[in-house]
Amino acid sequence: MSASIEQIRAFVAVAECGSFSAAARELGRDRSTLSQVISNLEIDLDYELFERSQRSPVLTPQGQALFVYAKNLAEYSRSFDAISRSLGMNIESELTVYYSAVIAPSFIINTMKALRLDYPKVRIHWLQRNLENIRAAVKGGEADLGIVLINNGASISQIDFSYLLSMSFCIVCTPSHALAKFDTPSLDELKLHHQLLLEDFLTSGLQHTTILSGDYQRIESLDLLMGLLRSGDGWALLPNHAVKADIEQGSLVKLNIEALNVDLQLPISLWSQAQGEKGPIKQRLMEIIKQQGRVKED
């Protein structure tokens, strides 16, 4: 026999609601009709799914064995319905966003919270990549959007460019590092020590601002760089949000460089394909990301 989607959904609703009346209300069906749907399913299966001798229906051993599979089928069928309706209305079911390692997790979390208010079911894939991967993915359509550390967008063909915010960066090292003994280290003193450098700095057009020592080590992963930094392997220029907790805990110290009397600010931008289609969810996501860019950093 082949159970229908209607029967599967009815079975799951009764099992979860604990009564035929409550399940009927949830499904918007008449109680007697729903009861008949379940009875027909049991006839087709040739065994009972619910024990009805008690006040509320209770799953039989056979019903318990089938419930998990039935619930998965019911969820998949609802997803199918939602996606098919979305396609008919040109509403995206999923989007992919590539982002730079310097983007704060709170930026992404707050973006998703705002998007969920309008589109609770859409899937947004957030994938961390280096700048060249992001550039190629946005141009090729593999990524719908890119959030990048980049000096400007004027030279980027096939990509729409929007400035988001200037992110605050600082220079840090461990308390035991040689630079930590200075109240205000000079730039010349920085040059004498090993710099841990995010790879994105080299490809973003900001290398002249961010490379402060000829003795530098290129690192693509922010997590790896943080691990090396905490081990005392060198000093680094990093976004404030990435090192805030370490500074508060005392595992890192912020260096007050005498030549830098203001916080260093580096630009974050939003990329999208210039000729790409922008469905309602993509448009809303772009709006929210731009709004997040106007929110002052913690």
Protein backbone atom coordinates (compact mmCIF):
# COMPACT_ATOMS: atom_id res chain seq x y z
CA MET A 1 0.00 0.00 0.00
CA SER A 2 1.02 3.65 -0.45
CA ALA A 3 -0.03 6.02 2.29
CA SER A 4 -1.09 9.47 1.12
CA ILE A 5 0.43 12.69 2.40
CA GLU A 6 -2.97 13.52 3.90
CA GLN A 7 -2.90 10.29 5.91
CA ILE A 8 0.69 10.83 7.05
CA ARG A 9 -0.04 14.37 8.22
CA ALA A 10 -3.20 13.23 10.02
CA PHE A 11 -1.31 10.44 11.80
CA VAL A 12 1.44 12.83 12.96
CA ALA A 13 -1.05 15.49 14.08
CA VAL A 14 -3.04 13.05 16.25
CA ALA A 15 0.14 11.61 17.78
CA GLU A 16 1.51 15.07 18.62
CA CYS A 17 -1.74 16.70 19.75
CA GLY A 18 -2.91 13.74 21.83
CA SER A 19 -6.50 13.86 20.60
CA PHE A 20 -8.47 13.70 17.39
CA SER A 21 -10.29 16.97 18.20
CA ALA A 22 -7.08 18.94 18.75
CA ALA A 23 -5.50 17.46 15.62
CA ALA A 24 -8.58 18.33 13.58
CA ARG A 25 -8.37 21.95 14.76
CA GLU A 26 -4.67 22.12 13.90
CA LEU A 27 -5.27 20.76 10.41
CA GLY A 28 -8.47 22.71 9.86
CA ARG A 29 -10.47 19.53 9.34
CA ASP A 30 -13.69 18.07 10.72
CA ARG A 31 -13.05 15.61 13.59
CA SER A 32 -15.09 12.80 12.07
CA THR A 33 -13.35 13.24 8.72
CA LEU A 34 -9.93 13.12 10.36
CA SER A 35 -10.89 10.02 12.32
CA GLN A 36 -11.97 8.34 9.10
CA VAL A 37 -8.65 9.24 7.44
CA ILE A 38 -6.77 7.50 10.26
CA SER A 39 -9.11 4.49 10.17
CA ASN A 40 -8.57 4.12 6.41
CA LEU A 41 -4.81 4.23 6.95
CA GLU A 42 -5.04 1.51 9.62
CA ILE A 43 -7.18 -0.63 7.29
CA ASP A 44 -4.57 -0.27 4.54
CA LEU A 45 -1.77 -1.14 6.98
CA ASP A 46 -3.75 -4.01 8.49
CA TYR A 47 -2.90 -2.97 12.06
CA GLU A 48 -3.89 -0.21 14.47
CA LEU A 49 -1.76 2.88 15.00
CA PHE A 50 -3.58 4.10 18.12
CA GLU A 51 -4.96 2.39 21.20
CA ARG A 52 -8.38 3.96 21.65
CA SER A 53 -9.53 2.26 24.85
CA GLN A 54 -8.19 5.12 26.96
CA ARG A 55 -9.46 8.69 27.20
CA SER A 56 -6.86 9.91 24.73
CA PRO A 57 -5.43 7.97 21.78
CA VAL A 58 -2.07 6.35 22.56
CA LEU A 59 0.37 5.08 19.96
CA THR A 60 0.53 1.29 19.64
CA PRO A 61 3.99 -0.31 19.31
CA GLN A 62 3.51 -0.29 15.52
CA GLY A 63 2.49 3.38 15.66
CA GLN A 64 5.56 4.24 17.72
CA ALA A 65 7.80 2.49 15.21
CA LEU A 66 6.29 4.47 12.32
CA PHE A 67 6.01 7.86 14.01
CA VAL A 68 9.56 9.19 13.42
CA TYR A 69 9.43 8.27 9.73
CA ALA A 70 5.95 9.73 9.38
CA LYS A 71 7.03 12.99 11.04
CA ASN A 72 9.98 13.31 8.66
CA LEU A 73 7.71 12.72 5.67
CA ALA A 74 5.22 15.29 6.97
CA GLU A 75 7.98 17.89 7.41
CA TYR A 76 9.40 17.19 3.96
CA SER A 77 5.95 17.53 2.41
CA ARG A 78 5.43 20.89 4.12
CA SER A 79 8.84 22.04 2.88
CA PHE A 80 7.89 20.89 -0.61
CA ASP A 81 4.66 22.88 -0.43
CA ALA A 82 6.44 25.98 0.84
CA ILE A 83 9.19 25.82 -1.77
CA SER A 84 6.75 25.19 -4.62
CA ARG A 85 4.65 28.17 -3.56
CA SER A 86 7.77 30.32 -3.25
CA LEU A 87 8.96 29.35 -6.72
CA GLY A 88 5.58 30.27 -8.13
CA MET A 89 5.87 33.70 -6.51
CA ASN A 90 9.60 34.10 -7.39
CA ILE A 91 10.45 33.99 -3.67
CA GLU A 92 13.83 32.40 -2.97
CA SER A 93 13.95 29.32 -0.75
CA GLU A 94 17.66 29.78 0.05
CA LEU A 95 20.53 32.22 -0.42
CA THR A 96 24.30 31.95 0.01
CA VAL A 97 26.41 34.70 1.55
CA TYR A 98 30.22 34.59 1.52
CA TYR A 99 31.91 36.75 4.15
CA SER A 100 35.38 37.80 5.24
CA ALA A 101 37.02 36.46 8.39
CA VAL A 102 36.92 39.93 9.97
CA ILE A 103 33.12 40.12 10.05
CA ALA A 104 31.78 39.95 13.61
CA PRO A 105 29.51 36.97 14.42
CA SER A 106 27.11 39.42 16.08
CA PHE A 107 26.69 41.20 12.71
CA ILE A 108 25.48 37.95 11.11
CA ILE A 109 23.36 36.92 14.10
CA ASN A 110 21.55 40.28 14.22
CA THR A 111 21.03 40.14 10.45
CA MET A 112 19.38 36.72 10.72
CA LYS A 113 17.17 37.81 13.62
CA ALA A 114 15.84 40.69 11.54
CA LEU A 115 15.36 38.55 8.42
CA ARG A 116 13.49 35.84 10.36
CA LEU A 117 10.79 38.38 11.26
CA ASP A 118 9.80 38.55 7.59
CA TYR A 119 10.95 35.17 6.26
CA PRO A 120 11.09 32.57 9.06
CA LYS A 121 11.58 29.56 6.75
CA VAL A 122 14.24 30.73 4.30
CA ARG A 123 17.68 29.10 4.48
CA ILE A 124 20.69 31.42 4.43
CA HIS A 125 24.07 29.72 4.03
CA TRP A 126 26.88 31.79 5.62
CA LEU A 127 30.29 30.65 4.35
CA GLN A 128 33.59 32.25 5.38
CA ARG A 129 35.99 32.65 2.46
CA ASN A 130 38.98 34.77 1.48
CA LEU A 131 38.48 37.81 -0.72
CA GLU A 132 39.44 36.20 -4.02
CA ASN A 133 37.05 33.30 -3.42
CA ILE A 134 34.29 35.78 -2.59
CA ARG A 135 34.99 37.82 -5.71
CA ALA A 136 34.86 34.76 -7.98
CA ALA A 137 31.75 33.34 -6.28
CA VAL A 138 29.76 36.57 -6.55
CA LYS A 139 30.79 37.13 -10.19
CA GLY A 140 29.98 33.51 -11.07
CA GLY A 141 26.67 33.41 -9.20
CA GLU A 142 27.82 30.78 -6.69
CA ALA A 143 27.28 33.33 -3.93
CA ASP A 144 24.32 35.69 -3.88
CA LEU A 145 26.12 38.25 -1.72
CA GLY A 146 29.59 38.92 -0.36
CA ILE A 147 30.59 40.91 2.72
CA VAL A 148 34.22 41.89 2.36
CA LEU A 149 37.08 43.98 3.66
CA ILE A 150 37.91 46.08 0.61
CA ASN A 151 39.24 49.58 -0.03
CA ASN A 152 36.91 50.38 -2.93
CA GLY A 153 34.77 48.76 -5.58
CA ALA A 154 35.45 50.99 -8.56
CA SER A 155 37.69 48.48 -10.33
CA ILE A 156 35.42 45.47 -9.85
CA SER A 157 33.45 44.62 -12.97
CA GLN A 158 30.24 42.58 -12.87
CA ILE A 159 29.79 43.35 -9.16
CA ASP A 160 27.60 45.96 -7.50
CA PHE A 161 29.38 47.63 -4.60
CA SER A 162 27.89 49.19 -1.45
CA TYR A 163 29.91 50.66 1.41
CA LEU A 164 28.67 49.30 4.77
CA LEU A 165 30.80 50.61 7.63
CA SER A 166 34.26 51.43 8.88
CA MET A 167 35.33 48.71 11.29
CA SER A 168 37.60 49.60 14.20
CA PHE A 169 40.92 47.73 14.44
CA CYS A 170 43.64 47.71 17.07
CA ILE A 171 47.14 46.31 17.53
CA VAL A 172 47.52 43.57 20.17
CA CYS A 173 50.01 41.10 21.60
CA THR A 174 50.36 38.92 24.70
CA PRO A 175 51.34 40.53 28.02
CA SER A 176 54.67 38.65 27.89
CA HIS A 177 55.57 39.95 24.41
CA ALA A 178 58.55 42.33 24.21
CA LEU A 179 56.32 45.12 22.85
CA ALA A 180 54.05 44.97 25.91
CA LYS A 181 56.75 46.55 28.12
CA PHE A 182 56.39 49.86 26.25
CA ASP A 183 53.68 52.33 27.27
CA THR A 184 53.54 53.70 23.72
CA PRO A 185 55.56 51.60 21.26
CA SER A 186 56.72 53.35 18.13
CA LEU A 187 56.15 52.15 14.58
CA ASP A 188 59.89 51.50 14.35
CA GLU A 189 59.63 49.14 17.33
CA LEU A 190 56.73 47.29 15.66
CA LYS A 191 58.93 46.74 12.62
CA LEU A 192 61.46 44.87 14.74
CA HIS A 193 58.95 42.17 15.67
CA HIS A 194 57.01 39.44 13.88
CA GLN A 195 53.56 40.49 12.59
CA LEU A 196 50.72 37.99 12.17
CA LEU A 197 48.81 39.16 9.10
CA LEU A 198 45.37 38.18 7.83
CA GLU A 199 45.54 37.15 4.19
CA ASP A 200 42.58 39.40 3.35
CA PHE A 201 44.73 42.45 4.11
CA LEU A 202 46.94 41.59 1.15
CA THR A 203 44.09 41.18 -1.34
CA SER A 204 41.85 44.01 -0.18
CA GLY A 205 43.90 46.92 -1.43
CA LEU A 206 44.79 47.83 2.16
CA GLN A 207 48.24 46.27 2.39
CA HIS A 208 49.98 49.64 2.67
CA THR A 209 47.86 50.43 5.73
CA THR A 210 47.92 47.05 7.41
CA ILE A 211 51.47 45.72 6.81
CA LEU A 212 53.52 47.48 9.48
CA SER A 213 56.48 45.11 9.62
CA GLY A 214 58.60 43.56 6.90
CA ASP A 215 58.72 40.43 9.05
CA TYR A 216 55.15 39.22 8.61
CA GLN A 217 53.43 35.85 8.39
CA ARG A 218 50.36 35.49 6.14
CA ILE A 219 47.45 33.59 7.69
CA GLU A 220 44.08 32.99 6.04
CA SER A 221 42.14 31.74 9.09
CA LEU A 222 41.25 34.18 11.87
CA ASP A 223 40.96 31.27 14.32
CA LEU A 224 44.48 30.09 13.50
CA LEU A 225 45.84 33.61 13.74
CA MET A 226 44.21 34.06 17.17
CA GLY A 227 45.76 30.79 18.34
CA LEU A 228 49.23 31.85 17.22
CA LEU A 229 48.74 35.30 18.73
CA ARG A 230 47.75 33.87 22.14
CA SER A 231 50.80 31.60 22.02
CA GLY A 232 53.03 34.67 21.77
CA ASP A 233 54.14 34.02 18.17
CA GLY A 234 53.85 37.71 17.25
CA TRP A 235 51.67 40.81 17.31
CA ALA A 236 48.67 41.50 15.09
CA LEU A 237 46.32 44.15 13.75
CA LEU A 238 42.79 42.82 14.30
CA PRO A 239 39.18 44.05 14.55
CA ASN A 240 38.20 45.18 18.06
CA HIS A 241 35.37 42.65 18.30
CA ALA A 242 37.78 39.74 17.69
CA VAL A 243 40.08 40.62 20.59
CA LYS A 244 37.71 42.32 23.06
CA ALA A 245 37.20 39.23 25.26
CA ASP A 246 40.93 38.39 25.31
CA ILE A 247 41.80 41.95 26.35
CA GLU A 248 39.19 41.88 29.12
CA GLN A 249 40.53 38.51 30.34
CA GLY A 250 44.12 39.72 30.23
CA SER A 251 45.38 37.16 27.71
CA LEU A 252 46.05 39.98 25.22
CA VAL A 253 46.94 43.66 25.62
CA LYS A 254 46.17 46.54 23.30
CA LEU A 255 49.23 48.48 22.18
CA ASN A 256 48.93 52.26 22.18
CA ILE A 257 51.08 53.21 19.21
CA GLU A 258 52.36 56.78 19.52
CA ALA A 259 51.99 57.41 15.79
CA LEU A 260 48.34 56.29 15.84
CA ASN A 261 46.43 58.71 18.07
CA VAL A 262 43.04 57.53 16.76
CA ASP A 263 41.51 54.08 16.23
CA LEU A 264 42.38 52.56 12.88
CA GLN A 265 39.25 52.23 10.71
CA LEU A 266 39.04 49.87 7.73
CA PRO A 267 36.12 49.68 5.25
CA ILE A 268 33.65 46.80 4.98
CA SER A 269 31.59 46.51 1.80
CA LEU A 270 28.68 44.51 0.36
CA TRP A 271 28.99 42.86 -3.04
CA SER A 272 26.26 41.51 -5.29
CA GLN A 273 26.19 40.46 -8.93
CA ALA A 274 25.57 43.54 -11.06
CA GLN A 275 23.23 41.81 -13.51
CA GLY A 276 21.89 39.17 -11.11
CA GLU A 277 18.22 38.83 -10.25
CA LYS A 278 17.15 40.22 -6.90
CA GLY A 279 14.15 38.41 -5.48
CA PRO A 280 12.25 39.78 -2.48
CA ILE A 281 14.29 37.88 0.12
CA LYS A 282 17.62 38.90 -1.40
CA GLN A 283 16.47 42.51 -1.53
CA ARG A 284 15.32 42.37 2.10
CA LEU A 285 18.57 40.71 3.17
CA MET A 286 20.57 43.46 1.47
CA GLU A 287 18.49 46.11 3.21
CA ILE A 288 19.06 44.51 6.61
CA ILE A 289 22.82 44.13 6.02
CA LYS A 290 23.03 47.82 5.10
CA GLN A 291 21.00 48.73 8.20
CA GLN A 292 23.38 46.65 10.33
CA GLY A 293 26.24 48.61 8.81
CA ARG A 294 24.73 51.81 10.20
CA VAL A 295 24.57 50.39 13.73
CA LYS A 296 27.48 51.53 15.91
CA GLU A 297 29.88 48.71 16.80
CA ASP A 298 29.99 47.51 20.41
